[in-house]
Amino acid sequence: MGADIQDINRREGEMEDSLEEEIDGLVLDLKDPNLAARWEAVASLVEIGAPAVPRLIEALQDRNKYVRWGAAEALGKIGDDRAVEALVRVLRDKDKDVRWKAAISLGGMQAAGAVCALIKALRDEDPDVRWGAATGLGEIGDPRAVDYLLEALQEKDGTDGRDGIVFALGELGDHRAVGPLIEALEDRNYEIRFEAAKALGKIGDPAAEAPLLERLADRNWEVRLVAAEAVVKIGGSHVVESLLALLTDDSADVRRTAVEILGEIGDPRAVEPLVAVLRHDENCRYEAAEALGKIGDVRAFVPLQQIYDFCEPCVRVAVLNSLSAIQRKNRNFADLSVSGQ
């Protein structure tokens, strides 16, 4: 019996030694000049998980910046609380890329103990580090960060990194941010306008409805798209009218989004405009067919039948599904029959 226990202990010791050797080898691979090899090492360390954490914490002090960067990346993916204090120290690393990765990892870990350090990092000399600190604060979600983020947003020394601040304010959802975010909708940088529209949609304050409606005419199609989505989230009184106006937008992506949202809302005012999209907009025909089925209005039945023979196979499937959905919702109309099947 004693011999068996000794044998088990010996095997366990050998396995631990083997794992430690593997971890040490993978940490060495983080120095590889080949990026793919470094990513493979990071993935393997993440797969090992908790047993790799102590060695990775040591690696944060390695002379090689690739090792420090890779260790910060792996620790963030593993998400072990033992790494928080060490990653906070790395926010003062001499290399900006390593500082950025530490901020990103702390945010991904939702490390509440890193909030104060990330707030300080909003003053970092590098815009990417400031962006990482801001987004990290947004992911952590601590309301103590709001005032500092608002202060950073108002600084006019440069626009770099401010889209991260706007994102964070949206994640935090504090209504004190609504006014500054509405101002950000007018920013010259389209990325700021884009993130501001998304953030206002997340917060959902009715005061943002009118400014967001103005952004439906933004010169950038991505801003127009997220502004439409934000208006819907707020649930303003002019949602349907605003979406109908986007059915003729220059961007097919914006038109598709408007069609899909109108289908989800289910307002009968959208039926005839969606029928027009079905007939004349080949890029959005599939989405229009689906939307009309979701609304279920009998006025769409004949147009759907008429378009069937002119559709691509995938669109025909949507048309048939919508015709069946309209039949189910309007059983009193005996003359509704699906043809072309």
C-alpha atoms as a PDB file:
ATOM      1  CA  MET A   1       0.000   0.000   0.000  1.00  0.00           C
ATOM      2  CA  GLY A   2       2.783   2.405   0.981  1.00  0.00           C
ATOM      3  CA  ALA A   3       4.645   1.573  -2.198  1.00  0.00           C
ATOM      4  CA  ASP A   4       1.552   2.349  -4.276  1.00  0.00           C
ATOM      5  CA  ILE A   5       1.187   5.759  -2.641  1.00  0.00           C
ATOM      6  CA  GLN A   6       4.849   6.512  -3.254  1.00  0.00           C
ATOM      7  CA  ASP A   7       4.430   5.502  -6.894  1.00  0.00           C
ATOM      8  CA  ILE A   8       1.407   7.772  -7.312  1.00  0.00           C
ATOM      9  CA  ASN A   9       3.255  10.683  -5.699  1.00  0.00           C
ATOM     10  CA  ARG A  10       6.239  10.087  -7.977  1.00  0.00           C
ATOM     11  CA  ARG A  11       4.064  10.111 -11.082  1.00  0.00           C
ATOM     12  CA  GLU A  12       2.265  13.262  -9.990  1.00  0.00           C
ATOM     13  CA  GLY A  13       5.609  14.940  -9.393  1.00  0.00           C
ATOM     14  CA  GLU A  14       6.804  13.932 -12.843  1.00  0.00           C
ATOM     15  CA  MET A  15       3.639  15.302 -14.406  1.00  0.00           C
ATOM     16  CA  GLU A  16       4.044  18.619 -12.571  1.00  0.00           C
ATOM     17  CA  ASP A  17       7.664  18.854 -13.681  1.00  0.00           C
ATOM     18  CA  SER A  18       6.640  18.086 -17.251  1.00  0.00           C
ATOM     19  CA  LEU A  19       3.938  20.774 -17.172  1.00  0.00           C
ATOM     20  CA  GLU A  20       6.348  23.336 -15.757  1.00  0.00           C
ATOM     21  CA  GLU A  21       8.808  22.553 -18.524  1.00  0.00           C
ATOM     22  CA  GLU A  22       6.061  22.936 -21.113  1.00  0.00           C
ATOM     23  CA  ILE A  23       5.020  26.304 -19.657  1.00  0.00           C
ATOM     24  CA  ASP A  24       8.640  27.519 -19.582  1.00  0.00           C
ATOM     25  CA  GLY A  25       9.065  26.463 -23.206  1.00  0.00           C
ATOM     26  CA  LEU A  26       5.906  28.301 -24.260  1.00  0.00           C
ATOM     27  CA  VAL A  27       6.998  31.464 -22.446  1.00  0.00           C
ATOM     28  CA  LEU A  28      10.289  31.265 -24.359  1.00  0.00           C
ATOM     29  CA  ASP A  29       8.281  30.946 -27.576  1.00  0.00           C
ATOM     30  CA  LEU A  30       6.774  34.375 -26.822  1.00  0.00           C
ATOM     31  CA  LYS A  31      10.165  35.778 -27.914  1.00  0.00           C
ATOM     32  CA  ASP A  32       9.871  34.218 -31.365  1.00  0.00           C
ATOM     33  CA  PRO A  33      10.216  36.885 -34.094  1.00  0.00           C
ATOM     34  CA  ASN A  34       7.419  35.142 -35.991  1.00  0.00           C
ATOM     35  CA  LEU A  35       4.040  36.582 -34.996  1.00  0.00           C
ATOM     36  CA  ALA A  36       2.145  33.378 -35.765  1.00  0.00           C
ATOM     37  CA  ALA A  37       4.453  31.398 -33.488  1.00  0.00           C
ATOM     38  CA  ARG A  38       3.890  33.884 -30.661  1.00  0.00           C
ATOM     39  CA  TRP A  39       0.116  33.673 -31.068  1.00  0.00           C
ATOM     40  CA  GLU A  40       0.302  29.889 -30.998  1.00  0.00           C
ATOM     41  CA  ALA A  41       2.260  30.060 -27.743  1.00  0.00           C
ATOM     42  CA  VAL A  42      -0.308  32.412 -26.226  1.00  0.00           C
ATOM     43  CA  ALA A  43      -3.154  30.083 -27.238  1.00  0.00           C
ATOM     44  CA  SER A  44      -1.374  27.105 -25.665  1.00  0.00           C
ATOM     45  CA  LEU A  45      -0.753  28.995 -22.420  1.00  0.00           C
ATOM     46  CA  VAL A  46      -4.406  30.015 -22.267  1.00  0.00           C
ATOM     47  CA  GLU A  47      -5.409  26.390 -22.782  1.00  0.00           C
ATOM     48  CA  ILE A  48      -3.201  25.354 -19.850  1.00  0.00           C
ATOM     49  CA  GLY A  49      -4.954  27.994 -17.759  1.00  0.00           C
ATOM     50  CA  ALA A  50      -4.458  28.451 -14.022  1.00  0.00           C
ATOM     51  CA  PRO A  51      -1.235  26.422 -13.694  1.00  0.00           C
ATOM     52  CA  ALA A  52       0.462  28.859 -16.100  1.00  0.00           C
ATOM     53  CA  VAL A  53      -0.505  31.991 -14.157  1.00  0.00           C
ATOM     54  CA  PRO A  54       2.481  32.228 -11.741  1.00  0.00           C
ATOM     55  CA  ARG A  55       4.986  31.855 -14.594  1.00  0.00           C
ATOM     56  CA  LEU A  56       3.112  34.351 -16.741  1.00  0.00           C
ATOM     57  CA  ILE A  57       3.115  36.881 -13.903  1.00  0.00           C
ATOM     58  CA  GLU A  58       6.904  36.502 -13.762  1.00  0.00           C
ATOM     59  CA  ALA A  59       7.059  36.949 -17.528  1.00  0.00           C
ATOM     60  CA  LEU A  60       5.455  40.394 -17.220  1.00  0.00           C
ATOM     61  CA  GLN A  61       8.881  41.580 -16.031  1.00  0.00           C
ATOM     62  CA  ASP A  62      10.837  40.011 -18.893  1.00  0.00           C
ATOM     63  CA  ARG A  63      13.255  42.260 -20.796  1.00  0.00           C
ATOM     64  CA  ASN A  64      11.675  41.271 -24.090  1.00  0.00           C
ATOM     65  CA  LYS A  65       8.577  43.333 -24.872  1.00  0.00           C
ATOM     66  CA  TYR A  66       7.032  40.510 -26.905  1.00  0.00           C
ATOM     67  CA  VAL A  67       7.159  38.274 -23.857  1.00  0.00           C
ATOM     68  CA  ARG A  68       5.540  40.946 -21.666  1.00  0.00           C
ATOM     69  CA  TRP A  69       2.862  41.598 -24.301  1.00  0.00           C
ATOM     70  CA  GLY A  70       2.131  37.902 -24.771  1.00  0.00           C
ATOM     71  CA  ALA A  71       2.008  37.292 -21.021  1.00  0.00           C
ATOM     72  CA  ALA A  72      -0.472  40.156 -20.577  1.00  0.00           C
ATOM     73  CA  GLU A  73      -2.614  38.787 -23.405  1.00  0.00           C
ATOM     74  CA  ALA A  74      -2.620  35.262 -21.983  1.00  0.00           C
ATOM     75  CA  LEU A  75      -3.385  36.428 -18.444  1.00  0.00           C
ATOM     76  CA  GLY A  76      -6.313  38.474 -19.688  1.00  0.00           C
ATOM     77  CA  LYS A  77      -7.749  35.474 -21.527  1.00  0.00           C
ATOM     78  CA  ILE A  78      -7.242  33.148 -18.549  1.00  0.00           C
ATOM     79  CA  GLY A  79      -8.960  35.670 -16.260  1.00  0.00           C
ATOM     80  CA  ASP A  80      -7.343  34.626 -12.983  1.00  0.00           C
ATOM     81  CA  ASP A  81      -7.642  37.263 -10.229  1.00  0.00           C
ATOM     82  CA  ARG A  82      -4.093  36.540  -9.108  1.00  0.00           C
ATOM     83  CA  ALA A  83      -2.873  38.462 -12.154  1.00  0.00           C
ATOM     84  CA  VAL A  84      -4.710  41.733 -11.483  1.00  0.00           C
ATOM     85  CA  GLU A  85      -2.116  43.385  -9.275  1.00  0.00           C
ATOM     86  CA  ALA A  86       0.708  42.470 -11.658  1.00  0.00           C
ATOM     87  CA  LEU A  87      -1.209  43.743 -14.703  1.00  0.00           C
ATOM     88  CA  VAL A  88      -1.904  47.007 -12.892  1.00  0.00           C
ATOM     89  CA  ARG A  89       1.862  47.472 -12.487  1.00  0.00           C
ATOM     90  CA  VAL A  90       2.283  46.831 -16.211  1.00  0.00           C
ATOM     91  CA  LEU A  91       0.174  49.923 -16.915  1.00  0.00           C
ATOM     92  CA  ARG A  92       3.437  51.762 -16.147  1.00  0.00           C
ATOM     93  CA  ASP A  93       5.505  49.640 -18.565  1.00  0.00           C
ATOM     94  CA  LYS A  94       7.985  51.565 -20.713  1.00  0.00           C
ATOM     95  CA  ASP A  95       6.480  50.114 -23.902  1.00  0.00           C
ATOM     96  CA  LYS A  96       3.160  51.616 -25.021  1.00  0.00           C
ATOM     97  CA  ASP A  97       1.948  48.418 -26.696  1.00  0.00           C
ATOM     98  CA  VAL A  98       2.445  46.464 -23.484  1.00  0.00           C
ATOM     99  CA  ARG A  99       0.596  49.135 -21.484  1.00  0.00           C
ATOM    100  CA  TRP A 100      -2.256  49.003 -23.999  1.00  0.00           C
ATOM    101  CA  LYS A 101      -2.493  45.229 -23.767  1.00  0.00           C
ATOM    102  CA  ALA A 102      -2.509  45.362 -19.945  1.00  0.00           C
ATOM    103  CA  ALA A 103      -5.417  47.824 -20.021  1.00  0.00           C
ATOM    104  CA  ILE A 104      -7.344  45.651 -22.480  1.00  0.00           C
ATOM    105  CA  SER A 105      -6.735  42.532 -20.395  1.00  0.00           C
ATOM    106  CA  LEU A 106      -7.857  44.188 -17.157  1.00  0.00           C
ATOM    107  CA  GLY A 107     -11.058  45.303 -18.864  1.00  0.00           C
ATOM    108  CA  GLY A 108     -11.684  41.856 -20.269  1.00  0.00           C
ATOM    109  CA  MET A 109     -11.218  40.400 -16.788  1.00  0.00           C
ATOM    110  CA  GLN A 110     -13.664  43.008 -15.391  1.00  0.00           C
ATOM    111  CA  ALA A 111     -11.072  43.627 -12.705  1.00  0.00           C
ATOM    112  CA  ALA A 112     -12.736  45.913 -10.183  1.00  0.00           C
ATOM    113  CA  GLY A 113      -9.424  46.307  -8.395  1.00  0.00           C
ATOM    114  CA  ALA A 114      -7.942  48.021 -11.448  1.00  0.00           C
ATOM    115  CA  VAL A 115     -10.422  50.917 -11.701  1.00  0.00           C
ATOM    116  CA  CYS A 116      -8.237  53.567 -10.051  1.00  0.00           C
ATOM    117  CA  ALA A 117      -5.195  52.553 -12.096  1.00  0.00           C
ATOM    118  CA  LEU A 118      -7.185  52.639 -15.343  1.00  0.00           C
ATOM    119  CA  ILE A 119      -8.538  56.077 -14.454  1.00  0.00           C
ATOM    120  CA  LYS A 120      -4.931  57.266 -14.118  1.00  0.00           C
ATOM    121  CA  ALA A 121      -4.148  55.649 -17.472  1.00  0.00           C
ATOM    122  CA  LEU A 122      -6.683  57.970 -19.118  1.00  0.00           C
ATOM    123  CA  ARG A 123      -3.837  60.509 -18.867  1.00  0.00           C
ATOM    124  CA  ASP A 124      -1.297  58.269 -20.617  1.00  0.00           C
ATOM    125  CA  GLU A 125       0.801  60.003 -23.257  1.00  0.00           C
ATOM    126  CA  ASP A 126      -0.171  57.411 -25.863  1.00  0.00           C
ATOM    127  CA  PRO A 127      -3.676  57.604 -27.441  1.00  0.00           C
ATOM    128  CA  ASP A 128      -3.966  53.827 -27.837  1.00  0.00           C
ATOM    129  CA  VAL A 129      -3.287  53.319 -24.127  1.00  0.00           C
ATOM    130  CA  ARG A 130      -5.899  55.960 -23.292  1.00  0.00           C
ATOM    131  CA  TRP A 131      -8.341  54.105 -25.572  1.00  0.00           C
ATOM    132  CA  GLY A 132      -7.564  50.816 -23.852  1.00  0.00           C
ATOM    133  CA  ALA A 133      -7.990  52.346 -20.402  1.00  0.00           C
ATOM    134  CA  ALA A 134     -11.339  53.879 -21.359  1.00  0.00           C
ATOM    135  CA  THR A 135     -12.773  50.731 -22.905  1.00  0.00           C
ATOM    136  CA  GLY A 136     -11.498  48.748 -19.925  1.00  0.00           C
ATOM    137  CA  LEU A 137     -13.379  51.039 -17.572  1.00  0.00           C
ATOM    138  CA  GLY A 138     -16.488  50.580 -19.676  1.00  0.00           C
ATOM    139  CA  GLU A 139     -16.238  46.805 -19.471  1.00  0.00           C
ATOM    140  CA  ILE A 140     -15.691  46.873 -15.715  1.00  0.00           C
ATOM    141  CA  GLY A 141     -18.732  49.111 -15.298  1.00  0.00           C
ATOM    142  CA  ASP A 142     -17.761  50.982 -12.130  1.00  0.00           C
ATOM    143  CA  PRO A 143     -19.717  54.281 -11.879  1.00  0.00           C
ATOM    144  CA  ARG A 144     -16.720  55.974 -10.233  1.00  0.00           C
ATOM    145  CA  ALA A 145     -15.225  56.254 -13.700  1.00  0.00           C
ATOM    146  CA  VAL A 146     -17.989  58.447 -15.175  1.00  0.00           C
ATOM    147  CA  ASP A 147     -16.721  61.854 -14.048  1.00  0.00           C
ATOM    148  CA  TYR A 148     -13.181  61.092 -15.176  1.00  0.00           C
ATOM    149  CA  LEU A 149     -14.374  59.839 -18.550  1.00  0.00           C
ATOM    150  CA  LEU A 150     -16.482  62.959 -19.067  1.00  0.00           C
ATOM    151  CA  GLU A 151     -13.506  65.130 -18.195  1.00  0.00           C
ATOM    152  CA  ALA A 152     -11.324  63.228 -20.656  1.00  0.00           C
ATOM    153  CA  LEU A 153     -13.976  63.531 -23.365  1.00  0.00           C
ATOM    154  CA  GLN A 154     -13.979  67.320 -23.112  1.00  0.00           C
ATOM    155  CA  GLU A 155     -10.234  67.649 -23.619  1.00  0.00           C
ATOM    156  CA  LYS A 156      -9.543  69.138 -27.030  1.00  0.00           C
ATOM    157  CA  ASP A 157      -5.820  68.331 -27.310  1.00  0.00           C
ATOM    158  CA  GLY A 158      -6.584  65.556 -29.780  1.00  0.00           C
ATOM    159  CA  THR A 159      -9.298  63.204 -30.951  1.00  0.00           C
ATOM    160  CA  ASP A 160      -7.294  59.984 -30.696  1.00  0.00           C
ATOM    161  CA  GLY A 161      -8.652  57.642 -28.056  1.00  0.00           C
ATOM    162  CA  ARG A 162     -11.882  59.558 -27.515  1.00  0.00           C
ATOM    163  CA  ASP A 163     -13.969  56.943 -29.309  1.00  0.00           C
ATOM    164  CA  GLY A 164     -12.975  54.577 -26.510  1.00  0.00           C
ATOM    165  CA  ILE A 165     -14.213  57.091 -23.956  1.00  0.00           C
ATOM    166  CA  VAL A 166     -17.542  57.415 -25.757  1.00  0.00           C
ATOM    167  CA  PHE A 167     -17.876  53.632 -25.896  1.00  0.00           C
ATOM    168  CA  ALA A 168     -17.196  53.411 -22.161  1.00  0.00           C
ATOM    169  CA  LEU A 169     -19.829  56.023 -21.340  1.00  0.00           C
ATOM    170  CA  GLY A 170     -22.369  54.006 -23.288  1.00  0.00           C
ATOM    171  CA  GLU A 171     -21.446  50.851 -21.400  1.00  0.00           C
ATOM    172  CA  LEU A 172     -21.760  52.629 -18.054  1.00  0.00           C
ATOM    173  CA  GLY A 173     -25.205  53.976 -19.012  1.00  0.00           C
ATOM    174  CA  ASP A 174     -25.074  57.046 -16.781  1.00  0.00           C
ATOM    175  CA  HIS A 175     -27.519  59.774 -17.806  1.00  0.00           C
ATOM    176  CA  ARG A 176     -24.977  62.462 -16.912  1.00  0.00           C
ATOM    177  CA  ALA A 177     -23.255  61.503 -20.151  1.00  0.00           C
ATOM    178  CA  VAL A 178     -26.238  62.279 -22.395  1.00  0.00           C
ATOM    179  CA  GLY A 179     -25.452  65.971 -22.949  1.00  0.00           C
ATOM    180  CA  PRO A 180     -21.771  65.448 -23.806  1.00  0.00           C
ATOM    181  CA  LEU A 181     -22.657  62.498 -26.033  1.00  0.00           C
ATOM    182  CA  ILE A 182     -25.206  64.598 -27.925  1.00  0.00           C
ATOM    183  CA  GLU A 183     -22.432  67.157 -28.493  1.00  0.00           C
ATOM    184  CA  ALA A 184     -20.214  64.331 -29.742  1.00  0.00           C
ATOM    185  CA  LEU A 185     -22.776  63.582 -32.473  1.00  0.00           C
ATOM    186  CA  GLU A 186     -21.496  66.765 -34.158  1.00  0.00           C
ATOM    187  CA  ASP A 187     -17.820  65.769 -33.978  1.00  0.00           C
ATOM    188  CA  ARG A 188     -15.747  66.036 -37.149  1.00  0.00           C
ATOM    189  CA  ASN A 189     -14.442  62.511 -36.596  1.00  0.00           C
ATOM    190  CA  TYR A 190     -17.003  60.005 -37.878  1.00  0.00           C
ATOM    191  CA  GLU A 191     -15.773  57.359 -35.413  1.00  0.00           C
ATOM    192  CA  ILE A 192     -16.738  59.648 -32.540  1.00  0.00           C
ATOM    193  CA  ARG A 193     -20.182  60.257 -34.069  1.00  0.00           C
ATOM    194  CA  PHE A 194     -20.609  56.516 -34.632  1.00  0.00           C
ATOM    195  CA  GLU A 195     -19.772  55.584 -31.041  1.00  0.00           C
ATOM    196  CA  ALA A 196     -21.841  58.475 -29.664  1.00  0.00           C
ATOM    197  CA  ALA A 197     -24.948  57.273 -31.508  1.00  0.00           C
ATOM    198  CA  LYS A 198     -24.415  53.723 -30.232  1.00  0.00           C
ATOM    199  CA  ALA A 199     -23.834  54.967 -26.696  1.00  0.00           C
ATOM    200  CA  LEU A 200     -26.985  57.097 -26.689  1.00  0.00           C
ATOM    201  CA  GLY A 201     -28.985  54.111 -27.872  1.00  0.00           C
ATOM    202  CA  LYS A 202     -27.665  52.062 -24.959  1.00  0.00           C
ATOM    203  CA  ILE A 203     -28.503  54.782 -22.432  1.00  0.00           C
ATOM    204  CA  GLY A 204     -31.973  55.249 -23.918  1.00  0.00           C
ATOM    205  CA  ASP A 205     -32.646  58.808 -22.821  1.00  0.00           C
ATOM    206  CA  PRO A 206     -35.553  60.432 -24.765  1.00  0.00           C
ATOM    207  CA  ALA A 207     -33.591  63.702 -24.896  1.00  0.00           C
ATOM    208  CA  ALA A 208     -31.349  62.101 -27.512  1.00  0.00           C
ATOM    209  CA  GLU A 209     -34.140  61.308 -29.974  1.00  0.00           C
ATOM    210  CA  ALA A 210     -34.130  64.586 -31.924  1.00  0.00           C
ATOM    211  CA  PRO A 211     -30.313  64.804 -32.249  1.00  0.00           C
ATOM    212  CA  LEU A 212     -30.199  61.181 -33.374  1.00  0.00           C
ATOM    213  CA  LEU A 213     -32.901  61.813 -35.970  1.00  0.00           C
ATOM    214  CA  GLU A 214     -30.661  64.533 -37.424  1.00  0.00           C
ATOM    215  CA  ARG A 215     -27.862  61.968 -37.743  1.00  0.00           C
ATOM    216  CA  LEU A 216     -30.048  59.951 -40.128  1.00  0.00           C
ATOM    217  CA  ALA A 217     -28.766  62.396 -42.732  1.00  0.00           C
ATOM    218  CA  ASP A 218     -25.112  62.026 -41.675  1.00  0.00           C
ATOM    219  CA  ARG A 219     -22.622  61.933 -44.531  1.00  0.00           C
ATOM    220  CA  ASN A 220     -21.271  58.601 -43.247  1.00  0.00           C
ATOM    221  CA  TRP A 221     -23.519  55.577 -43.833  1.00  0.00           C
ATOM    222  CA  GLU A 222     -22.301  53.753 -40.725  1.00  0.00           C
ATOM    223  CA  VAL A 223     -23.352  56.675 -38.560  1.00  0.00           C
ATOM    224  CA  ARG A 224     -26.761  56.746 -40.261  1.00  0.00           C
ATOM    225  CA  LEU A 225     -27.178  53.034 -39.573  1.00  0.00           C
ATOM    226  CA  VAL A 226     -26.344  53.147 -35.851  1.00  0.00           C
ATOM    227  CA  ALA A 227     -28.392  56.318 -35.418  1.00  0.00           C
ATOM    228  CA  ALA A 228     -31.448  54.479 -36.760  1.00  0.00           C
ATOM    229  CA  GLU A 229     -30.817  51.572 -34.403  1.00  0.00           C
ATOM    230  CA  ALA A 230     -30.406  53.988 -31.485  1.00  0.00           C
ATOM    231  CA  VAL A 231     -33.692  55.774 -32.231  1.00  0.00           C
ATOM    232  CA  VAL A 232     -35.477  52.428 -32.176  1.00  0.00           C
ATOM    233  CA  LYS A 233     -33.925  51.519 -28.825  1.00  0.00           C
ATOM    234  CA  ILE A 234     -35.068  54.817 -27.360  1.00  0.00           C
ATOM    235  CA  GLY A 235     -38.555  54.160 -28.703  1.00  0.00           C
ATOM    236  CA  GLY A 236     -39.308  57.691 -29.801  1.00  0.00           C
ATOM    237  CA  SER A 237     -42.521  58.861 -31.383  1.00  0.00           C
ATOM    238  CA  HIS A 238     -41.013  59.291 -34.857  1.00  0.00           C
ATOM    239  CA  VAL A 239     -39.319  55.911 -35.176  1.00  0.00           C
ATOM    240  CA  VAL A 240     -41.401  54.525 -38.032  1.00  0.00           C
ATOM    241  CA  GLU A 241     -41.266  57.712 -40.102  1.00  0.00           C
ATOM    242  CA  SER A 242     -37.503  57.893 -39.653  1.00  0.00           C
ATOM    243  CA  LEU A 243     -37.023  54.310 -40.728  1.00  0.00           C
ATOM    244  CA  LEU A 244     -39.276  54.729 -43.754  1.00  0.00           C
ATOM    245  CA  ALA A 245     -37.091  57.626 -44.879  1.00  0.00           C
ATOM    246  CA  LEU A 246     -34.068  55.302 -44.816  1.00  0.00           C
ATOM    247  CA  LEU A 247     -35.629  52.856 -47.283  1.00  0.00           C
ATOM    248  CA  THR A 248     -34.185  54.993 -50.093  1.00  0.00           C
ATOM    249  CA  ASP A 249     -30.780  55.532 -48.473  1.00  0.00           C
ATOM    250  CA  ASP A 250     -27.710  55.340 -50.720  1.00  0.00           C
ATOM    251  CA  SER A 251     -26.272  52.514 -48.627  1.00  0.00           C
ATOM    252  CA  ALA A 252     -27.751  49.027 -49.065  1.00  0.00           C
ATOM    253  CA  ASP A 253     -26.641  48.191 -45.512  1.00  0.00           C
ATOM    254  CA  VAL A 254     -28.656  51.089 -44.123  1.00  0.00           C
ATOM    255  CA  ARG A 255     -31.688  50.095 -46.209  1.00  0.00           C
ATOM    256  CA  ARG A 256     -31.461  46.474 -45.052  1.00  0.00           C
ATOM    257  CA  THR A 257     -31.257  47.517 -41.427  1.00  0.00           C
ATOM    258  CA  ALA A 258     -34.270  49.814 -41.797  1.00  0.00           C
ATOM    259  CA  VAL A 259     -36.274  47.028 -43.468  1.00  0.00           C
ATOM    260  CA  GLU A 260     -35.378  44.508 -40.762  1.00  0.00           C
ATOM    261  CA  ILE A 261     -36.281  46.877 -37.941  1.00  0.00           C
ATOM    262  CA  LEU A 262     -39.596  47.771 -39.566  1.00  0.00           C
ATOM    263  CA  GLY A 263     -40.407  44.092 -39.731  1.00  0.00           C
ATOM    264  CA  GLU A 264     -39.665  43.686 -36.036  1.00  0.00           C
ATOM    265  CA  ILE A 265     -41.774  46.715 -35.104  1.00  0.00           C
ATOM    266  CA  GLY A 266     -44.700  45.419 -37.145  1.00  0.00           C
ATOM    267  CA  ASP A 267     -46.344  48.783 -37.829  1.00  0.00           C
ATOM    268  CA  PRO A 268     -48.865  48.481 -40.710  1.00  0.00           C
ATOM    269  CA  ARG A 269     -47.757  51.890 -42.040  1.00  0.00           C
ATOM    270  CA  ALA A 270     -44.648  50.142 -43.328  1.00  0.00           C
ATOM    271  CA  VAL A 271     -46.482  47.664 -45.575  1.00  0.00           C
ATOM    272  CA  GLU A 272     -46.761  49.705 -48.777  1.00  0.00           C
ATOM    273  CA  PRO A 273     -43.217  51.142 -48.572  1.00  0.00           C
ATOM    274  CA  LEU A 274     -41.889  47.620 -47.959  1.00  0.00           C
ATOM    275  CA  VAL A 275     -43.838  46.335 -50.947  1.00  0.00           C
ATOM    276  CA  ALA A 276     -42.070  49.007 -53.006  1.00  0.00           C
ATOM    277  CA  VAL A 277     -38.718  47.737 -51.711  1.00  0.00           C
ATOM    278  CA  LEU A 278     -39.777  44.186 -52.557  1.00  0.00           C
ATOM    279  CA  ARG A 279     -40.528  45.170 -56.146  1.00  0.00           C
ATOM    280  CA  HIS A 280     -37.690  47.589 -56.905  1.00  0.00           C
ATOM    281  CA  ASP A 281     -34.726  46.963 -54.583  1.00  0.00           C
ATOM    282  CA  GLU A 282     -32.982  43.694 -55.465  1.00  0.00           C
ATOM    283  CA  ASN A 283     -30.374  44.238 -52.746  1.00  0.00           C
ATOM    284  CA  CYS A 284     -33.043  44.247 -50.031  1.00  0.00           C
ATOM    285  CA  ARG A 285     -35.701  41.986 -51.543  1.00  0.00           C
ATOM    286  CA  TYR A 286     -35.019  39.078 -49.193  1.00  0.00           C
ATOM    287  CA  GLU A 287     -35.251  41.289 -46.084  1.00  0.00           C
ATOM    288  CA  ALA A 288     -38.405  42.975 -47.404  1.00  0.00           C
ATOM    289  CA  ALA A 289     -40.100  39.621 -47.966  1.00  0.00           C
ATOM    290  CA  GLU A 290     -39.240  38.511 -44.430  1.00  0.00           C
ATOM    291  CA  ALA A 291     -40.387  41.825 -42.927  1.00  0.00           C
ATOM    292  CA  LEU A 292     -43.750  41.656 -44.692  1.00  0.00           C
ATOM    293  CA  GLY A 293     -44.284  38.153 -43.333  1.00  0.00           C
ATOM    294  CA  LYS A 294     -43.576  39.348 -39.803  1.00  0.00           C
ATOM    295  CA  ILE A 295     -46.074  42.192 -40.155  1.00  0.00           C
ATOM    296  CA  GLY A 296     -48.648  39.771 -41.585  1.00  0.00           C
ATOM    297  CA  ASP A 297     -50.788  42.321 -43.392  1.00  0.00           C
ATOM    298  CA  VAL A 298     -53.029  40.915 -46.189  1.00  0.00           C
ATOM    299  CA  ARG A 299     -52.058  43.827 -48.462  1.00  0.00           C
ATOM    300  CA  ALA A 300     -48.662  42.173 -48.952  1.00  0.00           C
ATOM    301  CA  PHE A 301     -50.075  38.823 -50.070  1.00  0.00           C
ATOM    302  CA  VAL A 302     -50.608  39.530 -53.765  1.00  0.00           C
ATOM    303  CA  PRO A 303     -47.338  41.488 -54.240  1.00  0.00           C
ATOM    304  CA  LEU A 304     -45.458  38.583 -52.669  1.00  0.00           C
ATOM    305  CA  GLN A 305     -47.149  36.139 -55.038  1.00  0.00           C
ATOM    306  CA  GLN A 306     -46.391  38.357 -58.027  1.00  0.00           C
ATOM    307  CA  ILE A 307     -42.700  38.685 -57.220  1.00  0.00           C
ATOM    308  CA  TYR A 308     -42.171  34.951 -56.662  1.00  0.00           C
ATOM    309  CA  ASP A 309     -41.286  34.018 -60.268  1.00  0.00           C
ATOM    310  CA  PHE A 310     -38.724  36.819 -60.550  1.00  0.00           C
ATOM    311  CA  CYS A 311     -36.787  35.958 -57.376  1.00  0.00           C
ATOM    312  CA  GLU A 312     -33.580  34.123 -56.685  1.00  0.00           C
ATOM    313  CA  PRO A 313     -34.062  30.758 -54.936  1.00  0.00           C
ATOM    314  CA  CYS A 314     -33.167  32.066 -51.477  1.00  0.00           C
ATOM    315  CA  VAL A 315     -35.646  34.937 -51.838  1.00  0.00           C
ATOM    316  CA  ARG A 316     -38.334  32.503 -52.963  1.00  0.00           C
ATOM    317  CA  VAL A 317     -37.977  30.666 -49.667  1.00  0.00           C
ATOM    318  CA  ALA A 318     -38.550  33.932 -47.776  1.00  0.00           C
ATOM    319  CA  VAL A 319     -41.538  34.745 -49.987  1.00  0.00           C
ATOM    320  CA  LEU A 320     -43.169  31.350 -49.376  1.00  0.00           C
ATOM    321  CA  ASN A 321     -42.564  31.576 -45.639  1.00  0.00           C
ATOM    322  CA  SER A 322     -44.116  35.038 -45.541  1.00  0.00           C
ATOM    323  CA  LEU A 323     -47.126  33.985 -47.596  1.00  0.00           C
ATOM    324  CA  SER A 324     -47.736  31.154 -45.136  1.00  0.00           C
ATOM    325  CA  ALA A 325     -47.313  33.520 -42.184  1.00  0.00           C
ATOM    326  CA  ILE A 326     -49.884  35.933 -43.660  1.00  0.00           C
ATOM    327  CA  GLN A 327     -52.302  33.058 -44.168  1.00  0.00           C
ATOM    328  CA  ARG A 328     -51.959  31.987 -40.550  1.00  0.00           C
ATOM    329  CA  LYS A 329     -52.555  35.503 -39.270  1.00  0.00           C
ATOM    330  CA  ASN A 330     -55.558  36.099 -41.512  1.00  0.00           C
ATOM    331  CA  ARG A 331     -57.518  32.851 -41.478  1.00  0.00           C
ATOM    332  CA  ASN A 332     -60.809  34.693 -42.134  1.00  0.00           C
ATOM    333  CA  PHE A 333     -59.640  35.535 -45.638  1.00  0.00           C
ATOM    334  CA  ALA A 334     -60.527  32.349 -47.510  1.00  0.00           C
ATOM    335  CA  ASP A 335     -59.207  33.588 -50.868  1.00  0.00           C
ATOM    336  CA  LEU A 336     -55.591  33.588 -49.663  1.00  0.00           C
ATOM    337  CA  SER A 337     -53.862  30.690 -51.360  1.00  0.00           C
ATOM    338  CA  VAL A 338     -50.134  30.126 -51.865  1.00  0.00           C
ATOM    339  CA  SER A 339     -49.186  29.440 -55.455  1.00  0.00           C
ATOM    340  CA  GLY A 340     -45.842  28.647 -57.059  1.00  0.00           C
ATOM    341  CA  GLN A 341     -44.827  25.971 -54.544  1.00  0.00           C
END
